[in-house]
Amino acid sequence: MDIHQEDNCIFCKIARKEAPSVPVYEDDHVVAFMDIAPVTRGHTLVIPKKHYATLDTMSAEDMARIGSVLPRIAKAVILGCDTKDFNIMQNNGKRAGQVVFHVHYHIIPRYPTEGALFGKQRVIPRLKLTKEEYGAMQASIKSHL
């Protein structure tokens, strides 16, 4: 990732405290803050301080750092929002719905007054694959590990 893009990244600016945010957690490698356009009350974002555009470009060390605090932050969000249900979302690329190209996890509290998942906003169709299609996909994925 070119440094110019990092300099212009709003999440990098938040991590460097050059842009305003409503922080809920910070350590040497991770920052969590309230989403500026929340899906629900308490919607929180968790980011690595180091710039990575997508998850597949992250170092194992930084992924482990986020993974080690994500459950704790999620627990604090749901307790702080007095709910038990929540979504963890992470999008990679424009077609996947990523808007800010800096890896981030959404912790989205869910409330009893809401419908399941995201209500009737969008139904995601499910595929039915044959054993052969599963096998071919498995082999292709495993060949890249």
Protein backbone atom coordinates (compact mmCIF):
# COMPACT_ATOMS: atom_id res chain seq x y z
CA MET A 1 0.00 0.00 0.00
CA ASP A 2 1.39 3.33 -1.02
CA ILE A 3 2.07 5.81 1.81
CA HIS A 4 -0.07 8.47 0.10
CA GLN A 5 -3.12 6.24 0.50
CA GLU A 6 -2.28 5.68 4.17
CA ASP A 7 -1.95 9.43 4.69
CA ASN A 8 -5.42 9.95 3.22
CA CYS A 9 -7.05 7.00 5.03
CA ILE A 10 -9.62 8.24 7.57
CA PHE A 11 -9.05 5.20 9.80
CA CYS A 12 -5.29 5.79 9.81
CA LYS A 13 -6.01 9.39 10.79
CA ILE A 14 -8.26 8.17 13.63
CA ALA A 15 -5.55 5.73 14.77
CA ARG A 16 -3.01 8.60 14.79
CA LYS A 17 -5.53 10.87 16.58
CA GLU A 18 -5.53 13.28 13.63
CA ALA A 19 -9.29 12.86 13.08
CA PRO A 20 -12.07 12.87 15.65
CA SER A 21 -13.68 9.68 16.88
CA VAL A 22 -15.52 8.29 19.86
CA PRO A 23 -13.00 5.71 21.11
CA VAL A 24 -13.97 2.74 23.26
CA TYR A 25 -10.67 0.79 23.30
CA GLU A 26 -7.02 1.32 22.40
CA ASP A 27 -3.75 -0.52 22.84
CA ASP A 28 -0.43 -0.36 20.97
CA HIS A 29 -1.84 -2.13 17.88
CA VAL A 30 -5.65 -1.89 17.89
CA VAL A 31 -8.25 0.87 18.15
CA ALA A 32 -12.02 0.50 18.59
CA PHE A 33 -14.43 3.40 18.15
CA MET A 34 -18.10 4.10 17.55
CA ASP A 35 -19.26 4.01 13.91
CA ILE A 36 -20.14 7.48 12.57
CA ALA A 37 -23.07 5.98 10.59
CA PRO A 38 -24.26 3.18 12.87
CA VAL A 39 -26.57 0.38 11.78
CA THR A 40 -27.78 0.07 15.40
CA ARG A 41 -27.14 1.85 18.69
CA GLY A 42 -23.66 0.83 19.89
CA HIS A 43 -22.28 -0.10 16.43
CA THR A 44 -18.51 -0.21 17.00
CA LEU A 45 -15.54 -0.56 14.63
CA VAL A 46 -12.32 -2.38 15.51
CA ILE A 47 -9.23 -1.64 13.39
CA PRO A 48 -5.51 -2.38 13.34
CA LYS A 49 -3.46 0.78 13.79
CA LYS A 50 -1.29 -0.31 10.88
CA HIS A 51 -2.82 0.23 7.45
CA TYR A 52 -4.05 -2.83 5.56
CA ALA A 53 -6.61 -2.37 2.79
CA THR A 54 -8.06 -5.88 3.05
CA LEU A 55 -7.84 -8.86 5.40
CA ASP A 56 -5.77 -10.95 2.99
CA THR A 57 -2.96 -8.39 3.16
CA MET A 58 -2.72 -8.39 6.98
CA SER A 59 0.24 -9.84 8.83
CA ALA A 60 -0.46 -12.86 11.02
CA GLU A 61 0.79 -10.86 14.00
CA ASP A 62 -1.67 -8.01 13.51
CA MET A 63 -4.50 -10.46 12.82
CA ALA A 64 -3.69 -12.24 16.09
CA ARG A 65 -3.65 -8.91 17.91
CA ILE A 66 -7.15 -8.06 16.71
CA GLY A 67 -8.34 -11.61 17.37
CA SER A 68 -7.07 -11.46 20.93
CA VAL A 69 -9.15 -8.36 21.81
CA LEU A 70 -12.20 -8.68 19.54
CA PRO A 71 -14.14 -10.98 21.93
CA ARG A 72 -13.47 -8.65 24.87
CA ILE A 73 -14.59 -5.58 22.93
CA ALA A 74 -17.68 -7.40 21.63
CA LYS A 75 -18.59 -8.43 25.18
CA ALA A 76 -18.20 -4.83 26.37
CA VAL A 77 -20.40 -3.58 23.51
CA ILE A 78 -23.25 -6.02 24.17
CA LEU A 79 -23.10 -5.49 27.92
CA GLY A 80 -22.91 -1.73 27.41
CA CYS A 81 -25.90 -1.87 25.09
CA ASP A 82 -27.88 -4.23 27.35
CA THR A 83 -28.35 -6.89 24.70
CA LYS A 84 -27.10 -10.43 24.12
CA ASP A 85 -27.13 -10.63 20.35
CA PHE A 86 -24.69 -9.10 17.90
CA ASN A 87 -23.14 -9.42 14.45
CA ILE A 88 -19.45 -9.31 13.67
CA MET A 89 -18.91 -8.24 10.07
CA GLN A 90 -15.80 -7.65 8.02
CA ASN A 91 -15.96 -6.70 4.32
CA ASN A 92 -13.16 -6.90 1.75
CA GLY A 93 -13.41 -5.02 -1.53
CA LYS A 94 -16.02 -2.84 -3.16
CA ARG A 95 -18.29 -5.70 -4.28
CA ALA A 96 -18.29 -7.02 -0.71
CA GLY A 97 -19.54 -3.69 0.58
CA GLN A 98 -16.24 -2.27 1.86
CA VAL A 99 -16.41 1.53 1.89
CA VAL A 100 -13.28 2.48 3.85
CA PHE A 101 -10.30 0.56 2.51
CA HIS A 102 -8.65 -0.10 5.87
CA VAL A 103 -9.38 -3.44 7.52
CA HIS A 104 -12.13 -3.06 10.09
CA TYR A 105 -14.52 -5.26 11.99
CA HIS A 106 -18.05 -4.12 12.71
CA ILE A 107 -19.57 -5.12 16.05
CA ILE A 108 -23.29 -4.53 15.56
CA PRO A 109 -25.51 -5.01 18.62
CA ARG A 110 -28.92 -6.57 17.84
CA TYR A 111 -32.02 -5.73 19.81
CA PRO A 112 -35.24 -7.66 20.56
CA THR A 113 -37.30 -5.08 18.64
CA GLU A 114 -35.41 -5.87 15.40
CA GLY A 115 -36.08 -8.67 12.96
CA ALA A 116 -33.66 -11.54 12.49
CA LEU A 117 -30.31 -10.82 10.81
CA PHE A 118 -31.02 -7.55 9.01
CA GLY A 119 -34.75 -7.93 8.85
CA LYS A 120 -36.25 -7.82 5.38
CA GLN A 121 -33.64 -5.43 4.01
CA ARG A 122 -31.86 -8.09 2.00
CA VAL A 123 -32.15 -11.83 1.59
CA ILE A 124 -28.96 -13.53 0.50
CA PRO A 125 -29.70 -16.45 -1.84
CA ARG A 126 -28.05 -19.76 -0.95
CA LEU A 127 -26.30 -22.02 -3.45
CA LYS A 128 -26.73 -25.76 -3.69
CA LEU A 129 -23.47 -27.39 -4.75
CA THR A 130 -22.82 -30.97 -5.78
CA LYS A 131 -20.22 -33.12 -4.02
CA GLU A 132 -18.00 -32.66 -7.07
CA GLU A 133 -18.31 -28.88 -6.91
CA TYR A 134 -17.50 -28.94 -3.19
CA GLY A 135 -14.50 -31.18 -3.90
CA ALA A 136 -13.19 -28.93 -6.67
CA MET A 137 -13.56 -25.82 -4.50
CA GLN A 138 -11.91 -27.58 -1.56
CA ALA A 139 -8.93 -28.64 -3.68
CA SER A 140 -8.58 -25.17 -5.17
CA ILE A 141 -8.71 -23.45 -1.77
CA LYS A 142 -6.33 -25.95 -0.13
CA SER A 143 -3.82 -25.51 -2.96
CA HIS A 144 -3.44 -21.87 -1.90
CA LEU A 145 -2.87 -22.52 1.82
